[in-house]
Amino acid sequence: MIRRFGEPPRKDRNYTRRPGAYALLPRDGKLLLTVQYDPHPDLQLPGGGIDPGESPLPALHREVYEETGWSISAPRRAGAFRRFAYMPEYDLWAEKLCHIYVARPLRRLGPPLEKTHEARWVDPQDAVRLLGYPGDRHFAALLARHL
């Protein structure tokens, strides 16, 4: 059974399963995170949806690059969680299945490709407090214990 964070599913909604890959990116005592500004500022683990026909690791590399401008190496799976949410950009009620990885930020290739995102280095303890999603905070706290 995969742990759920956030609001329970509503019985009056149909949810579409939406798998995603997200990264904890520690380097030099900090975590590389992303701020998504639309519709409001929200600190997040870099990552996002796995496209149809795409595997989780290529999706992870693509999403981290799109949201931070960084390449990554040596991803290893840390766990997974579910959350039920409305995704306004897709007009979709989704059961998000979030696969979490720990990877090494390798090199900054440029600014984020997604214009509504900004890469930000954050102290791991601050990340545990500031990340917008409870599942993200949970995995950041697990990592922070080992840094």
Protein backbone atom coordinates (compact mmCIF):
# COMPACT_ATOMS: atom_id res chain seq x y z
CA MET A 1 0.00 0.00 0.00
CA ILE A 2 1.30 3.44 -0.93
CA ARG A 3 1.00 6.12 1.72
CA ARG A 4 -1.38 9.00 0.97
CA PHE A 5 -0.72 12.64 1.87
CA GLY A 6 -3.16 15.54 1.68
CA GLU A 7 -6.90 15.49 1.24
CA PRO A 8 -8.72 12.15 0.93
CA PRO A 9 -10.38 11.42 -2.42
CA ARG A 10 -13.90 12.78 -2.78
CA LYS A 11 -16.63 10.28 -3.62
CA ASP A 12 -18.28 12.75 -6.03
CA ARG A 13 -15.17 12.98 -8.24
CA ASN A 14 -13.62 10.70 -10.83
CA TYR A 15 -9.84 10.77 -10.59
CA THR A 16 -7.39 10.04 -13.40
CA ARG A 17 -4.18 8.33 -12.29
CA ARG A 18 -1.24 10.60 -13.07
CA PRO A 19 2.20 9.11 -12.32
CA GLY A 20 5.09 11.48 -11.76
CA ALA A 21 8.79 11.44 -10.88
CA TYR A 22 10.25 13.94 -8.38
CA ALA A 23 13.77 14.50 -7.04
CA LEU A 24 15.52 15.32 -3.81
CA LEU A 25 18.74 16.96 -5.01
CA PRO A 26 21.32 17.44 -2.22
CA ARG A 27 24.63 19.21 -2.86
CA ASP A 28 27.05 20.95 -0.50
CA GLY A 29 24.59 20.86 2.40
CA LYS A 30 21.68 22.34 0.43
CA LEU A 31 18.73 21.00 -1.60
CA LEU A 32 17.99 22.17 -5.12
CA LEU A 33 14.26 22.89 -5.28
CA THR A 34 11.96 24.75 -7.63
CA VAL A 35 9.56 27.61 -7.00
CA GLN A 36 6.49 27.45 -9.20
CA TYR A 37 4.98 30.94 -9.43
CA ASP A 38 1.71 30.16 -11.21
CA PRO A 39 -0.97 30.30 -9.86
CA HIS A 40 0.89 31.38 -6.67
CA PRO A 41 4.46 30.91 -5.33
CA ASP A 42 4.95 27.33 -4.14
CA LEU A 43 8.23 25.62 -3.20
CA GLN A 44 8.35 22.10 -4.67
CA LEU A 45 10.56 19.13 -5.33
CA PRO A 46 11.58 19.36 -9.00
CA GLY A 47 9.72 16.87 -11.14
CA GLY A 48 6.41 16.20 -12.78
CA GLY A 49 4.30 13.92 -14.88
CA ILE A 50 5.54 10.84 -16.63
CA ASP A 51 4.30 11.07 -20.22
CA PRO A 52 2.52 8.10 -21.84
CA GLY A 53 5.13 5.62 -23.04
CA GLU A 54 7.87 7.30 -20.99
CA SER A 55 9.74 5.54 -18.16
CA PRO A 56 10.20 7.18 -14.74
CA LEU A 57 13.96 7.86 -15.00
CA PRO A 58 13.89 9.66 -18.37
CA ALA A 59 10.90 11.63 -17.06
CA LEU A 60 12.85 12.55 -13.93
CA HIS A 61 15.84 13.83 -15.95
CA ARG A 62 13.54 15.78 -18.30
CA GLU A 63 11.41 17.34 -15.56
CA VAL A 64 14.37 18.35 -13.36
CA TYR A 65 16.01 20.02 -16.35
CA GLU A 66 12.78 21.80 -17.39
CA GLU A 67 12.12 23.12 -13.86
CA THR A 68 15.67 23.89 -12.66
CA GLY A 69 18.00 24.03 -15.68
CA TRP A 70 20.22 21.37 -14.06
CA SER A 71 21.31 17.95 -15.25
CA ILE A 72 21.39 15.15 -12.67
CA SER A 73 23.16 11.84 -12.17
CA ALA A 74 22.90 8.65 -10.11
CA PRO A 75 19.17 8.72 -9.29
CA ARG A 76 18.02 6.13 -6.77
CA ARG A 77 14.46 5.49 -5.68
CA ALA A 78 13.53 6.74 -2.20
CA GLY A 79 9.83 5.80 -2.19
CA ALA A 80 6.42 6.91 -3.38
CA PHE A 81 3.22 8.53 -2.18
CA ARG A 82 -0.24 9.36 -3.49
CA ARG A 83 -2.16 12.59 -3.40
CA PHE A 84 -5.54 13.53 -4.78
CA ALA A 85 -5.72 16.98 -6.32
CA TYR A 86 -7.29 19.19 -8.95
CA MET A 87 -4.82 20.11 -11.71
CA PRO A 88 -6.14 23.39 -13.20
CA GLU A 89 -3.58 23.39 -16.05
CA TYR A 90 -5.23 20.19 -17.32
CA ASP A 91 -8.76 20.78 -15.91
CA LEU A 92 -8.32 17.35 -14.32
CA TRP A 93 -9.00 15.70 -10.98
CA ALA A 94 -5.98 13.46 -10.52
CA GLU A 95 -4.72 10.69 -8.31
CA LYS A 96 -1.06 11.69 -8.41
CA LEU A 97 1.28 8.76 -7.89
CA CYS A 98 4.53 10.50 -6.93
CA HIS A 99 7.74 8.46 -7.31
CA ILE A 100 10.52 10.07 -5.26
CA TYR A 101 14.21 9.77 -6.13
CA VAL A 102 17.44 11.07 -4.62
CA ALA A 103 19.91 12.22 -7.27
CA ARG A 104 23.05 14.30 -7.57
CA PRO A 105 22.76 17.72 -9.24
CA LEU A 106 25.51 17.49 -11.82
CA ARG A 107 25.68 20.74 -13.76
CA ARG A 108 23.63 23.85 -14.39
CA LEU A 109 22.93 23.94 -18.12
CA GLY A 110 20.96 27.19 -18.08
CA PRO A 111 17.82 28.72 -16.64
CA PRO A 112 14.67 26.60 -16.20
CA LEU A 113 12.85 25.97 -19.47
CA GLU A 114 9.50 26.46 -17.73
CA LYS A 115 9.08 30.22 -17.40
CA THR A 116 6.93 29.94 -14.26
CA HIS A 117 9.72 28.09 -12.36
CA GLU A 118 12.85 29.27 -10.58
CA ALA A 119 15.61 27.04 -9.20
CA ARG A 120 16.44 27.70 -5.56
CA TRP A 121 19.03 26.22 -3.15
CA VAL A 122 17.52 25.71 0.31
CA ASP A 123 18.83 24.42 3.62
CA PRO A 124 17.30 20.93 4.13
CA GLN A 125 15.73 21.87 7.49
CA ASP A 126 14.13 24.94 5.89
CA ALA A 127 12.89 22.76 3.02
CA VAL A 128 11.12 20.47 5.50
CA ARG A 129 9.23 23.50 6.79
CA LEU A 130 8.68 25.38 3.50
CA LEU A 131 7.82 22.74 0.88
CA GLY A 132 4.21 23.10 -0.22
CA TYR A 133 3.14 19.45 -0.23
CA PRO A 134 3.08 17.19 2.86
CA GLY A 135 4.54 14.26 0.87
CA ASP A 136 7.45 16.42 -0.30
CA ARG A 137 8.06 17.54 3.30
CA HIS A 138 8.00 13.91 4.49
CA PHE A 139 10.68 12.76 2.05
CA ALA A 140 12.79 15.90 2.61
CA ALA A 141 12.70 15.19 6.36
CA LEU A 142 13.86 11.61 5.78
CA LEU A 143 16.77 12.88 3.68
CA ALA A 144 17.65 15.70 6.10
CA ARG A 145 18.22 13.13 8.86
CA HIS A 146 21.01 11.59 6.78
CA LEU A 147 22.79 14.78 5.64
